PDB file of N, CA and C in Angstrom:
ATOM      1  N   MET A   1       4.143 107.006 128.562  1.00  0.00           N
ATOM      2  CA  MET A   1       4.969 108.149 128.295  1.00  0.00           C
ATOM      3  C   MET A   1       5.280 108.803 129.630  1.00  0.00           C
ATOM      4  N   TYR A   2       6.506 109.222 129.782  1.00  0.00           N
ATOM      5  CA  TYR A   2       6.836 109.963 130.997  1.00  0.00           C
ATOM      6  C   TYR A   2       7.772 111.112 130.650  1.00  0.00           C
ATOM      7  N   ARG A   3       7.813 112.065 131.541  1.00  0.00           N
ATOM      8  CA  ARG A   3       8.703 113.210 131.366  1.00  0.00           C
ATOM      9  C   ARG A   3       9.086 113.730 132.743  1.00  0.00           C
ATOM     10  N   ASP A   4      10.151 114.544 132.793  1.00  0.00           N
ATOM     11  CA  ASP A   4      10.490 115.228 134.042  1.00  0.00           C
ATOM     12  C   ASP A   4       9.304 116.091 134.446  1.00  0.00           C
ATOM     13  N   SER A   5       9.035 116.129 135.730  1.00  0.00           N
ATOM     14  CA  SER A   5       7.893 116.898 136.215  1.00  0.00           C
ATOM     15  C   SER A   5       8.093 118.387 135.949  1.00  0.00           C
ATOM     16  N   TRP A   6       7.081 118.997 135.394  1.00  0.00           N
ATOM     17  CA  TRP A   6       7.153 120.423 135.091  1.00  0.00           C
ATOM     18  C   TRP A   6       6.859 121.280 136.324  1.00  0.00           C
ATOM     19  N   THR A   7       6.594 120.640 137.452  1.00  0.00           N
ATOM     20  CA  THR A   7       6.408 121.416 138.683  1.00  0.00           C
ATOM     21  C   THR A   7       7.723 122.068 139.112  1.00  0.00           C
ATOM     22  N   ARG A   8       8.838 121.654 138.507  1.00  0.00           N
ATOM     23  CA  ARG A   8      10.133 122.267 138.822  1.00  0.00           C
ATOM     24  C   ARG A   8      10.187 123.740 138.391  1.00  0.00           C
ATOM     25  N   PHE A   9       9.234 124.171 137.542  1.00  0.00           N
ATOM     26  CA  PHE A   9       9.176 125.565 137.117  1.00  0.00           C
ATOM     27  C   PHE A   9       8.503 126.454 138.157  1.00  0.00           C
ATOM     28  N   GLY A  10       8.050 125.850 139.241  1.00  0.00           N
ATOM     29  CA  GLY A  10       7.459 126.627 140.330  1.00  0.00           C
ATOM     30  C   GLY A  10       6.068 127.134 139.986  1.00  0.00           C
ATOM     31  N   GLU A  11       5.789 128.368 140.364  1.00  0.00           N
ATOM     32  CA  GLU A  11       4.455 128.935 140.183  1.00  0.00           C
ATOM     33  C   GLU A  11       4.130 129.248 138.722  1.00  0.00           C
ATOM     34  N   ARG A  12       5.138 129.241 137.855  1.00  0.00           N
ATOM     35  CA  ARG A  12       4.891 129.514 136.434  1.00  0.00           C
ATOM     36  C   ARG A  12       4.147 128.353 135.766  1.00  0.00           C
ATOM     37  N   TYR A  13       4.166 127.170 136.390  1.00  0.00           N
ATOM     38  CA  TYR A  13       3.505 125.999 135.807  1.00  0.00           C
ATOM     39  C   TYR A  13       2.260 125.655 136.614  1.00  0.00           C
ATOM     40  N   THR A  14       1.134 125.552 135.926  1.00  0.00           N
ATOM     41  CA  THR A  14      -0.112 125.111 136.539  1.00  0.00           C
ATOM     42  C   THR A  14      -0.504 123.803 135.876  1.00  0.00           C
ATOM     43  N   THR A  15      -0.626 122.756 136.667  1.00  0.00           N
ATOM     44  CA  THR A  15      -0.944 121.441 136.107  1.00  0.00           C
ATOM     45  C   THR A  15      -2.391 121.387 135.634  1.00  0.00           C
ATOM     46  N   SER A  16      -2.599 120.680 134.539  1.00  0.00           N
ATOM     47  CA  SER A  16      -3.960 120.501 134.016  1.00  0.00           C
ATOM     48  C   SER A  16      -4.613 119.257 134.603  1.00  0.00           C
ATOM     49  N   GLY A  17      -3.805 118.427 135.261  1.00  0.00           N
ATOM     50  CA  GLY A  17      -4.340 117.183 135.804  1.00  0.00           C
ATOM     51  C   GLY A  17      -4.301 116.031 134.816  1.00  0.00           C
ATOM     52  N   PHE A  18      -3.821 116.289 133.595  1.00  0.00           N
ATOM     53  CA  PHE A  18      -3.777 115.236 132.580  1.00  0.00           C
ATOM     54  C   PHE A  18      -2.736 114.178 132.928  1.00  0.00           C
ATOM     55  N   PHE A  19      -1.552 114.605 133.366  1.00  0.00           N
ATOM     56  CA  PHE A  19      -0.489 113.663 133.710  1.00  0.00           C
ATOM     57  C   PHE A  19      -0.590 113.250 135.174  1.00  0.00           C
ATOM     58  N   ASN A  20      -0.172 112.030 135.460  1.00  0.00           N
ATOM     59  CA  ASN A  20      -0.073 111.540 136.830  1.00  0.00           C
ATOM     60  C   ASN A  20       1.289 111.956 137.382  1.00  0.00           C
ATOM     61  N   GLU A  21       1.330 112.327 138.647  1.00  0.00           N
ATOM     62  CA  GLU A  21       2.575 112.747 139.295  1.00  0.00           C
ATOM     63  C   GLU A  21       3.137 111.569 140.083  1.00  0.00           C
ATOM     64  N   TYR A  22       4.472 111.426 140.055  1.00  0.00           N
ATOM     65  CA  TYR A  22       5.116 110.318 140.765  1.00  0.00           C
ATOM     66  C   TYR A  22       6.548 110.719 141.102  1.00  0.00           C
ATOM     67  N   HIS A  23       7.042 110.245 142.249  1.00  0.00           N
ATOM     68  CA  HIS A  23       8.448 110.451 142.591  1.00  0.00           C
ATOM     69  C   HIS A  23       9.158 109.108 142.510  1.00  0.00           C
ATOM     70  N   SER A  24      10.154 109.024 141.659  1.00  0.00           N
ATOM     71  CA  SER A  24      10.937 107.807 141.468  1.00  0.00           C
ATOM     72  C   SER A  24      12.295 107.986 142.137  1.00  0.00           C
ATOM     73  N   ARG A  25      12.788 106.927 142.769  1.00  0.00           N
ATOM     74  CA  ARG A  25      14.104 107.027 143.403  1.00  0.00           C
ATOM     75  C   ARG A  25      15.210 107.243 142.374  1.00  0.00           C
ATOM     76  N   THR A  26      15.051 106.648 141.195  1.00  0.00           N
ATOM     77  CA  THR A  26      16.096 106.769 140.175  1.00  0.00           C
ATOM     78  C   THR A  26      15.901 107.967 139.253  1.00  0.00           C
ATOM     79  N   LEU A  27      14.656 108.319 138.942  1.00  0.00           N
ATOM     80  CA  LEU A  27      14.388 109.390 137.981  1.00  0.00           C
ATOM     81  C   LEU A  27      14.009 110.716 138.622  1.00  0.00           C
ATOM     82  N   GLY A  28      13.659 110.700 139.892  1.00  0.00           N
ATOM     83  CA  GLY A  28      13.218 111.933 140.553  1.00  0.00           C
ATOM     84  C   GLY A  28      11.730 112.152 140.336  1.00  0.00           C
ATOM     85  N   ASP A  29      11.311 113.415 140.346  1.00  0.00           N
ATOM     86  CA  ASP A  29       9.901 113.746 140.128  1.00  0.00           C
ATOM     87  C   ASP A  29       9.576 113.621 138.642  1.00  0.00           C
ATOM     88  N   ILE A  30       8.562 112.809 138.339  1.00  0.00           N
ATOM     89  CA  ILE A  30       8.159 112.622 136.946  1.00  0.00           C
ATOM     90  C   ILE A  30       6.652 112.779 136.817  1.00  0.00           C
ATOM     91  N   GLN A  31       6.231 113.022 135.606  1.00  0.00           N
ATOM     92  CA  GLN A  31       4.817 113.005 135.240  1.00  0.00           C
ATOM     93  C   GLN A  31       4.668 111.907 134.197  1.00  0.00           C
ATOM     94  N   TRP A  32       3.596 111.116 134.306  1.00  0.00           N
ATOM     95  CA  TRP A  32       3.434 110.002 133.375  1.00  0.00           C
ATOM     96  C   TRP A  32       1.979 109.838 132.972  1.00  0.00           C
ATOM     97  N   LYS A  33       1.796 109.196 131.830  1.00  0.00           N
ATOM     98  CA  LYS A  33       0.463 108.880 131.316  1.00  0.00           C
ATOM     99  C   LYS A  33       0.603 107.648 130.431  1.00  0.00           C
ATOM    100  N   PHE A  34      -0.310 106.696 130.583  1.00  0.00           N
ATOM    101  CA  PHE A  34      -0.291 105.480 129.767  1.00  0.00           C
ATOM    102  C   PHE A  34      -1.147 105.689 128.528  1.00  0.00           C
ATOM    103  N   PHE A  35      -0.608 105.316 127.366  1.00  0.00           N
ATOM    104  CA  PHE A  35      -1.334 105.416 126.103  1.00  0.00           C
ATOM    105  C   PHE A  35      -1.359 104.053 125.431  1.00  0.00           C
ATOM    106  N   TYR A  36      -2.468 103.749 124.797  1.00  0.00           N
ATOM    107  CA  TYR A  36      -2.539 102.554 123.970  1.00  0.00           C
ATOM    108  C   TYR A  36      -1.968 102.886 122.598  1.00  0.00           C
ATOM    109  N   VAL A  37      -1.110 102.042 122.104  1.00  0.00           N
ATOM    110  CA  VAL A  37      -0.627 102.164 120.734  1.00  0.00           C
ATOM    111  C   VAL A  37      -1.268 101.022 119.971  1.00  0.00           C
ATOM    112  N   VAL A  38      -2.157 101.372 119.071  1.00  0.00           N
ATOM    113  CA  VAL A  38      -2.957 100.365 118.377  1.00  0.00           C
ATOM    114  C   VAL A  38      -2.144  99.649 117.315  1.00  0.00           C
ATOM    115  N   GLY A  39      -1.316 100.341 116.615  1.00  0.00           N
ATOM    116  CA  GLY A  39      -0.534  99.713 115.561  1.00  0.00           C
ATOM    117  C   GLY A  39       0.177 100.751 114.727  1.00  0.00           C
ATOM    118  N   GLU A  40       0.786 100.268 113.689  1.00  0.00           N
ATOM    119  CA  GLU A  40       1.520 101.143 112.787  1.00  0.00           C
ATOM    120  C   GLU A  40       1.062 100.863 111.369  1.00  0.00           C
ATOM    121  N   PHE A  41       0.910 101.911 110.603  1.00  0.00           N
ATOM    122  CA  PHE A  41       0.562 101.778 109.194  1.00  0.00           C
ATOM    123  C   PHE A  41       1.818 102.084 108.390  1.00  0.00           C
ATOM    124  N   GLU A  42       2.147 101.180 107.479  1.00  0.00           N
ATOM    125  CA  GLU A  42       3.376 101.346 106.708  1.00  0.00           C
ATOM    126  C   GLU A  42       3.106 101.087 105.236  1.00  0.00           C
ATOM    127  N   TYR A  43       3.726 101.880 104.389  1.00  0.00           N
ATOM    128  CA  TYR A  43       3.596 101.715 102.944  1.00  0.00           C
ATOM    129  C   TYR A  43       4.997 101.703 102.350  1.00  0.00           C
ATOM    130  N   ASP A  44       5.311 100.654 101.601  1.00  0.00           N
ATOM    131  CA  ASP A  44       6.630 100.514 100.993  1.00  0.00           C
ATOM    132  C   ASP A  44       6.524 100.608  99.481  1.00  0.00           C
ATOM    133  N   VAL A  45       7.456 101.324  98.873  1.00  0.00           N
ATOM    134  CA  VAL A  45       7.541 101.438  97.418  1.00  0.00           C
ATOM    135  C   VAL A  45       8.863 100.813  96.991  1.00  0.00           C
ATOM    136  N   ARG A  46       8.783  99.852  96.092  1.00  0.00           N
ATOM    137  CA  ARG A  46       9.990  99.167  95.629  1.00  0.00           C
ATOM    138  C   ARG A  46      10.757 100.068  94.659  1.00  0.00           C
ATOM    139  N   LEU A  47      12.012 100.327  94.986  1.00  0.00           N
ATOM    140  CA  LEU A  47      12.861 101.133  94.110  1.00  0.00           C
ATOM    141  C   LEU A  47      13.662 100.249  93.158  1.00  0.00           C
ATOM    142  N   ASN A  48      14.190  99.139  93.687  1.00  0.00           N
ATOM    143  CA  ASN A  48      14.850  98.125  92.868  1.00  0.00           C
ATOM    144  C   ASN A  48      14.785  96.799  93.623  1.00  0.00           C
ATOM    145  N   ASP A  49      15.540  95.790  93.187  1.00  0.00           N
ATOM    146  CA  ASP A  49      15.430  94.450  93.780  1.00  0.00           C
ATOM    147  C   ASP A  49      15.719  94.413  95.276  1.00  0.00           C
ATOM    148  N   LYS A  50      16.596  95.252  95.770  1.00  0.00           N
ATOM    149  CA  LYS A  50      16.983  95.175  97.177  1.00  0.00           C
ATOM    150  C   LYS A  50      16.690  96.442  97.979  1.00  0.00           C
ATOM    151  N   THR A  51      16.062  97.433  97.379  1.00  0.00           N
ATOM    152  CA  THR A  51      15.844  98.702  98.072  1.00  0.00           C
ATOM    153  C   THR A  51      14.376  99.111  97.991  1.00  0.00           C
ATOM    154  N   ASP A  52      13.819  99.501  99.141  1.00  0.00           N
ATOM    155  CA  ASP A  52      12.442  99.987  99.231  1.00  0.00           C
ATOM    156  C   ASP A  52      12.442 101.360  99.903  1.00  0.00           C
ATOM    157  N   PHE A  53      11.522 102.203  99.495  1.00  0.00           N
ATOM    158  CA  PHE A  53      11.264 103.469 100.179  1.00  0.00           C
ATOM    159  C   PHE A  53      10.050 103.245 101.065  1.00  0.00           C
ATOM    160  N   SER A  54      10.132 103.638 102.330  1.00  0.00           N
ATOM    161  CA  SER A  54       9.094 103.321 103.304  1.00  0.00           C
ATOM    162  C   SER A  54       8.524 104.586 103.937  1.00  0.00           C
ATOM    163  N   LEU A  55       7.192 104.638 104.042  1.00  0.00           N
ATOM    164  CA  LEU A  55       6.486 105.689 104.768  1.00  0.00           C
ATOM    165  C   LEU A  55       5.686 105.013 105.875  1.00  0.00           C
ATOM    166  N   SER A  56       5.726 105.561 107.086  1.00  0.00           N
ATOM    167  CA  SER A  56       4.957 104.952 108.172  1.00  0.00           C
ATOM    168  C   SER A  56       4.276 106.020 109.013  1.00  0.00           C
ATOM    169  N   PHE A  57       3.191 105.585 109.648  1.00  0.00           N
ATOM    170  CA  PHE A  57       2.354 106.446 110.480  1.00  0.00           C
ATOM    171  C   PHE A  57       1.957 105.640 111.709  1.00  0.00           C
ATOM    172  N   THR A  58       2.245 106.172 112.895  1.00  0.00           N
ATOM    173  CA  THR A  58       1.889 105.508 114.144  1.00  0.00           C
ATOM    174  C   THR A  58       1.043 106.455 114.979  1.00  0.00           C
ATOM    175  N   PRO A  59      -0.259 106.118 115.161  1.00  0.00           N
ATOM    176  CA  PRO A  59      -1.092 106.973 116.011  1.00  0.00           C
ATOM    177  C   PRO A  59      -0.842 106.668 117.486  1.00  0.00           C
ATOM    178  N   GLY A  60      -0.596 107.682 118.279  1.00  0.00           N
ATOM    179  CA  GLY A  60      -0.418 107.536 119.716  1.00  0.00           C
ATOM    180  C   GLY A  60      -1.257 108.579 120.416  1.00  0.00           C
ATOM    181  N   MET A  61      -2.544 108.551 120.147  1.00  0.00           N
ATOM    182  CA  MET A  61      -3.456 109.586 120.619  1.00  0.00           C
ATOM    183  C   MET A  61      -3.475 109.644 122.131  1.00  0.00           C
ATOM    184  N   PRO A  62      -3.688 110.742 122.740  1.00  0.00           N
ATOM    185  CA  PRO A  62      -3.965 112.052 122.173  1.00  0.00           C
ATOM    186  C   PRO A  62      -2.732 112.939 122.088  1.00  0.00           C
ATOM    187  N   MET A  63      -1.575 112.471 122.539  1.00  0.00           N
ATOM    188  CA  MET A  63      -0.419 113.364 122.654  1.00  0.00           C
ATOM    189  C   MET A  63       0.614 113.251 121.539  1.00  0.00           C
ATOM    190  N   ALA A  64       0.632 112.153 120.818  1.00  0.00           N
ATOM    191  CA  ALA A  64       1.705 111.990 119.841  1.00  0.00           C
ATOM    192  C   ALA A  64       1.206 111.265 118.604  1.00  0.00           C
ATOM    193  N   ILE A  65       1.611 111.755 117.473  1.00  0.00           N
ATOM    194  CA  ILE A  65       1.380 111.073 116.207  1.00  0.00           C
ATOM    195  C   ILE A  65       2.730 111.078 115.502  1.00  0.00           C
ATOM    196  N   THR A  66       3.187 109.913 115.088  1.00  0.00           N
ATOM    197  CA  THR A  66       4.510 109.800 114.501  1.00  0.00           C
ATOM    198  C   THR A  66       4.427 109.508 113.015  1.00  0.00           C
ATOM    199  N   PHE A  67       5.118 110.290 112.226  1.00  0.00           N
ATOM    200  CA  PHE A  67       5.290 110.047 110.796  1.00  0.00           C
ATOM    201  C   PHE A  67       6.770 109.774 110.568  1.00  0.00           C
ATOM    202  N   ALA A  68       7.069 108.815 109.695  1.00  0.00           N
ATOM    203  CA  ALA A  68       8.469 108.510 109.410  1.00  0.00           C
ATOM    204  C   ALA A  68       8.629 108.142 107.945  1.00  0.00           C
ATOM    205  N   ALA A  69       9.783 108.450 107.416  1.00  0.00           N
ATOM    206  CA  ALA A  69      10.141 108.065 106.055  1.00  0.00           C
ATOM    207  C   ALA A  69      11.541 107.480 106.111  1.00  0.00           C
ATOM    208  N   GLY A  70      11.777 106.477 105.292  1.00  0.00           N
ATOM    209  CA  GLY A  70      13.094 105.860 105.322  1.00  0.00           C
ATOM    210  C   GLY A  70      13.327 104.965 104.123  1.00  0.00           C
ATOM    211  N   VAL A  71      14.498 104.380 104.110  1.00  0.00           N
ATOM    212  CA  VAL A  71      14.895 103.466 103.044  1.00  0.00           C
ATOM    213  C   VAL A  71      15.215 102.123 103.678  1.00  0.00           C
ATOM    214  N   LYS A  72      14.674 101.052 103.095  1.00  0.00           N
ATOM    215  CA  LYS A  72      14.984  99.694 103.545  1.00  0.00           C
ATOM    216  C   LYS A  72      15.913  99.057 102.525  1.00  0.00           C
ATOM    217  N   TYR A  73      16.998  98.505 103.018  1.00  0.00           N
ATOM    218  CA  TYR A  73      17.899  97.764 102.147  1.00  0.00           C
ATOM    219  C   TYR A  73      17.866  96.315 102.583  1.00  0.00           C
ATOM    220  N   TRP A  74      17.477  95.433 101.686  1.00  0.00           N
ATOM    221  CA  TRP A  74      17.341  94.015 101.987  1.00  0.00           C
ATOM    222  C   TRP A  74      18.670  93.312 101.756  1.00  0.00           C
ATOM    223  N   LEU A  75      19.206  92.700 102.805  1.00  0.00           N
ATOM    224  CA  LEU A  75      20.427  91.919 102.651  1.00  0.00           C
ATOM    225  C   LEU A  75      20.139  90.613 101.922  1.00  0.00           C
ATOM    226  N   ASN A  76      18.959  90.051 102.188  1.00  0.00           N
ATOM    227  CA  ASN A  76      18.583  88.787 101.566  1.00  0.00           C
ATOM    228  C   ASN A  76      17.085  88.800 101.332  1.00  0.00           C
ATOM    229  N   LYS A  77      16.670  88.553 100.105  1.00  0.00           N
ATOM    230  CA  LYS A  77      15.239  88.467  99.806  1.00  0.00           C
ATOM    231  C   LYS A  77      14.862  87.084  99.294  1.00  0.00           C
ATOM    232  N   ASP A  78      15.759  86.124  99.444  1.00  0.00           N
ATOM    233  CA  ASP A  78      15.488  84.756  99.002  1.00  0.00           C
ATOM    234  C   ASP A  78      14.913  83.962 100.171  1.00  0.00           C
ATOM    235  N   PHE A  79      13.633  84.186 100.461  1.00  0.00           N
ATOM    236  CA  PHE A  79      12.984  83.491 101.557  1.00  0.00           C
ATOM    237  C   PHE A  79      12.423  82.172 101.054  1.00  0.00           C
ATOM    238  N   PRO A  80      12.488  81.117 101.869  1.00  0.00           N
ATOM    239  CA  PRO A  80      11.895  79.850 101.438  1.00  0.00           C
ATOM    240  C   PRO A  80      10.384  79.999 101.303  1.00  0.00           C
ATOM    241  N   GLU A  81       9.848  79.372 100.277  1.00  0.00           N
ATOM    242  CA  GLU A  81       8.407  79.452 100.047  1.00  0.00           C
ATOM    243  C   GLU A  81       7.695  78.538 101.034  1.00  0.00           C
ATOM    244  N   HIS A  82       6.706  79.070 101.698  1.00  0.00           N
ATOM    245  CA  HIS A  82       5.946  78.301 102.688  1.00  0.00           C
ATOM    246  C   HIS A  82       4.597  77.928 102.090  1.00  0.00           C
ATOM    247  N   LYS A  83       4.358  76.632 101.988  1.00  0.00           N
ATOM    248  CA  LYS A  83       3.071  76.161 101.486  1.00  0.00           C
ATOM    249  C   LYS A  83       2.292  75.581 102.661  1.00  0.00           C
ATOM    250  N   PRO A  84       1.106  76.101 102.937  1.00  0.00           N
ATOM    251  CA  PRO A  84       0.321  75.551 104.046  1.00  0.00           C
ATOM    252  C   PRO A  84      -0.074  74.112 103.753  1.00  0.00           C
ATOM    253  N   LYS A  85      -0.073  73.313 104.795  1.00  0.00           N
ATOM    254  CA  LYS A  85      -0.390  71.898 104.658  1.00  0.00           C
ATOM    255  C   LYS A  85      -1.752  71.646 105.292  1.00  0.00           C
ATOM    256  N   LEU A  86      -2.664  71.090 104.513  1.00  0.00           N
ATOM    257  CA  LEU A  86      -3.995  70.785 105.007  1.00  0.00           C
ATOM    258  C   LEU A  86      -3.977  69.398 105.634  1.00  0.00           C
ATOM    259  N   VAL A  87      -4.317  69.338 106.904  1.00  0.00           N
ATOM    260  CA  VAL A  87      -4.359  68.056 107.606  1.00  0.00           C
ATOM    261  C   VAL A  87      -5.817  67.702 107.806  1.00  0.00           C
ATOM    262  N   ARG A  88      -6.196  66.547 107.304  1.00  0.00           N
ATOM    263  CA  ARG A  88      -7.581  66.117 107.389  1.00  0.00           C
ATOM    264  C   ARG A  88      -7.643  64.783 108.125  1.00  0.00           C
ATOM    265  N   PRO A  89      -8.500  64.675 109.149  1.00  0.00           N
ATOM    266  CA  PRO A  89      -8.596  63.399 109.866  1.00  0.00           C
ATOM    267  C   PRO A  89      -9.208  62.320 108.972  1.00  0.00           C
ATOM    268  N   SER A  90      -8.855  61.078 109.283  1.00  0.00           N
ATOM    269  CA  SER A  90      -9.389  59.958 108.504  1.00  0.00           C
ATOM    270  C   SER A  90     -10.897  59.846 108.723  1.00  0.00           C
ATOM    271  N   LYS A  91     -11.566  59.117 107.843  1.00  0.00           N
ATOM    272  CA  LYS A  91     -13.026  58.938 107.957  1.00  0.00           C
ATOM    273  C   LYS A  91     -13.383  58.296 109.291  1.00  0.00           C
ATOM    274  N   GLU A  92     -12.553  57.364 109.759  1.00  0.00           N
ATOM    275  CA  GLU A  92     -12.820  56.683 111.037  1.00  0.00           C
ATOM    276  C   GLU A  92     -12.777  57.680 112.205  1.00  0.00           C
ATOM    277  N   LYS A  93     -11.794  58.561 112.214  1.00  0.00           N
ATOM    278  CA  LYS A  93     -11.697  59.566 113.279  1.00  0.00           C
ATOM    279  C   LYS A  93     -12.853  60.553 113.197  1.00  0.00           C
ATOM    280  N   GLN A  94     -13.289  60.886 111.975  1.00  0.00           N
ATOM    281  CA  GLN A  94     -14.428  61.782 111.819  1.00  0.00           C
ATOM    282  C   GLN A  94     -15.688  61.143 112.388  1.00  0.00           C
ATOM    283  N   LYS A  95     -15.876  59.838 112.139  1.00  0.00           N
ATOM    284  CA  LYS A  95     -17.061  59.136 112.648  1.00  0.00           C
ATOM    285  C   LYS A  95     -17.068  59.138 114.171  1.00  0.00           C
ATOM    286  N   ARG A  96     -15.894  58.891 114.779  1.00  0.00           N
ATOM    287  CA  ARG A  96     -15.826  58.872 116.240  1.00  0.00           C
ATOM    288  C   ARG A  96     -16.076  60.264 116.821  1.00  0.00           C
ATOM    289  N   PHE A  97     -15.586  61.295 116.174  1.00  0.00           N
ATOM    290  CA  PHE A  97     -15.725  62.653 116.689  1.00  0.00           C
ATOM    291  C   PHE A  97     -17.160  63.163 116.561  1.00  0.00           C
ATOM    292  N   PHE A  98     -17.790  62.866 115.425  1.00  0.00           N
ATOM    293  CA  PHE A  98     -19.136  63.375 115.168  1.00  0.00           C
ATOM    294  C   PHE A  98     -20.229  62.357 115.496  1.00  0.00           C
ATOM    295  N   ARG A  99     -19.902  61.348 116.272  1.00  0.00           N
ATOM    296  CA  ARG A  99     -20.875  60.319 116.619  1.00  0.00           C
ATOM    297  C   ARG A  99     -22.040  60.947 117.377  1.00  0.00           C
ATOM    298  N   LYS A 100     -23.242  60.570 117.004  1.00  0.00           N
ATOM    299  CA  LYS A 100     -24.439  61.114 117.651  1.00  0.00           C
ATOM    300  C   LYS A 100     -24.629  60.485 119.019  1.00  0.00           C
ATOM    301  N   ALA A 101     -25.012  61.327 119.967  1.00  0.00           N
ATOM    302  CA  ALA A 101     -25.303  60.819 121.313  1.00  0.00           C
ATOM    303  C   ALA A 101     -26.675  60.168 121.301  1.00  0.00           C
ATOM    304  N   GLY A 102     -26.786  59.104 122.025  1.00  0.00           N
ATOM    305  CA  GLY A 102     -28.119  58.568 122.113  1.00  0.00           C
ATOM    306  C   GLY A 102     -28.159  57.150 121.895  1.00  0.00           C
TER     307      GLY A 102
END
C-alpha cells in the first residue's frame, strides 16, 4: 500500500513511524507499507439459473478490511464435466520400484 506522503502538511503532521518514507522520481514523496493478503472469503447465493448474489470479505490487516456485495451474471454455465483419471502402474513396474535392496 502506498500513499502521498503526509509530510506535505508540514508541522501539523507528526509521523508515527508506521509507514516507510520514500522519494520516487515518478510519484514524488510517498509513504508505503507492505501487507500480506491471505485470501478472500466469498459467499454466493443463487437467485436463478444465471444470476448469483455475492458477498465477499478480504482481510488486509492492520490497515484495511474490505467488504463487498455484488451480482454475478453467468454468460455460460455449461462447463464440461471433468472426471479424474486414476493412473496405476503395472505390476511389473511396481515390482521394480519397490524392489528390496540387498
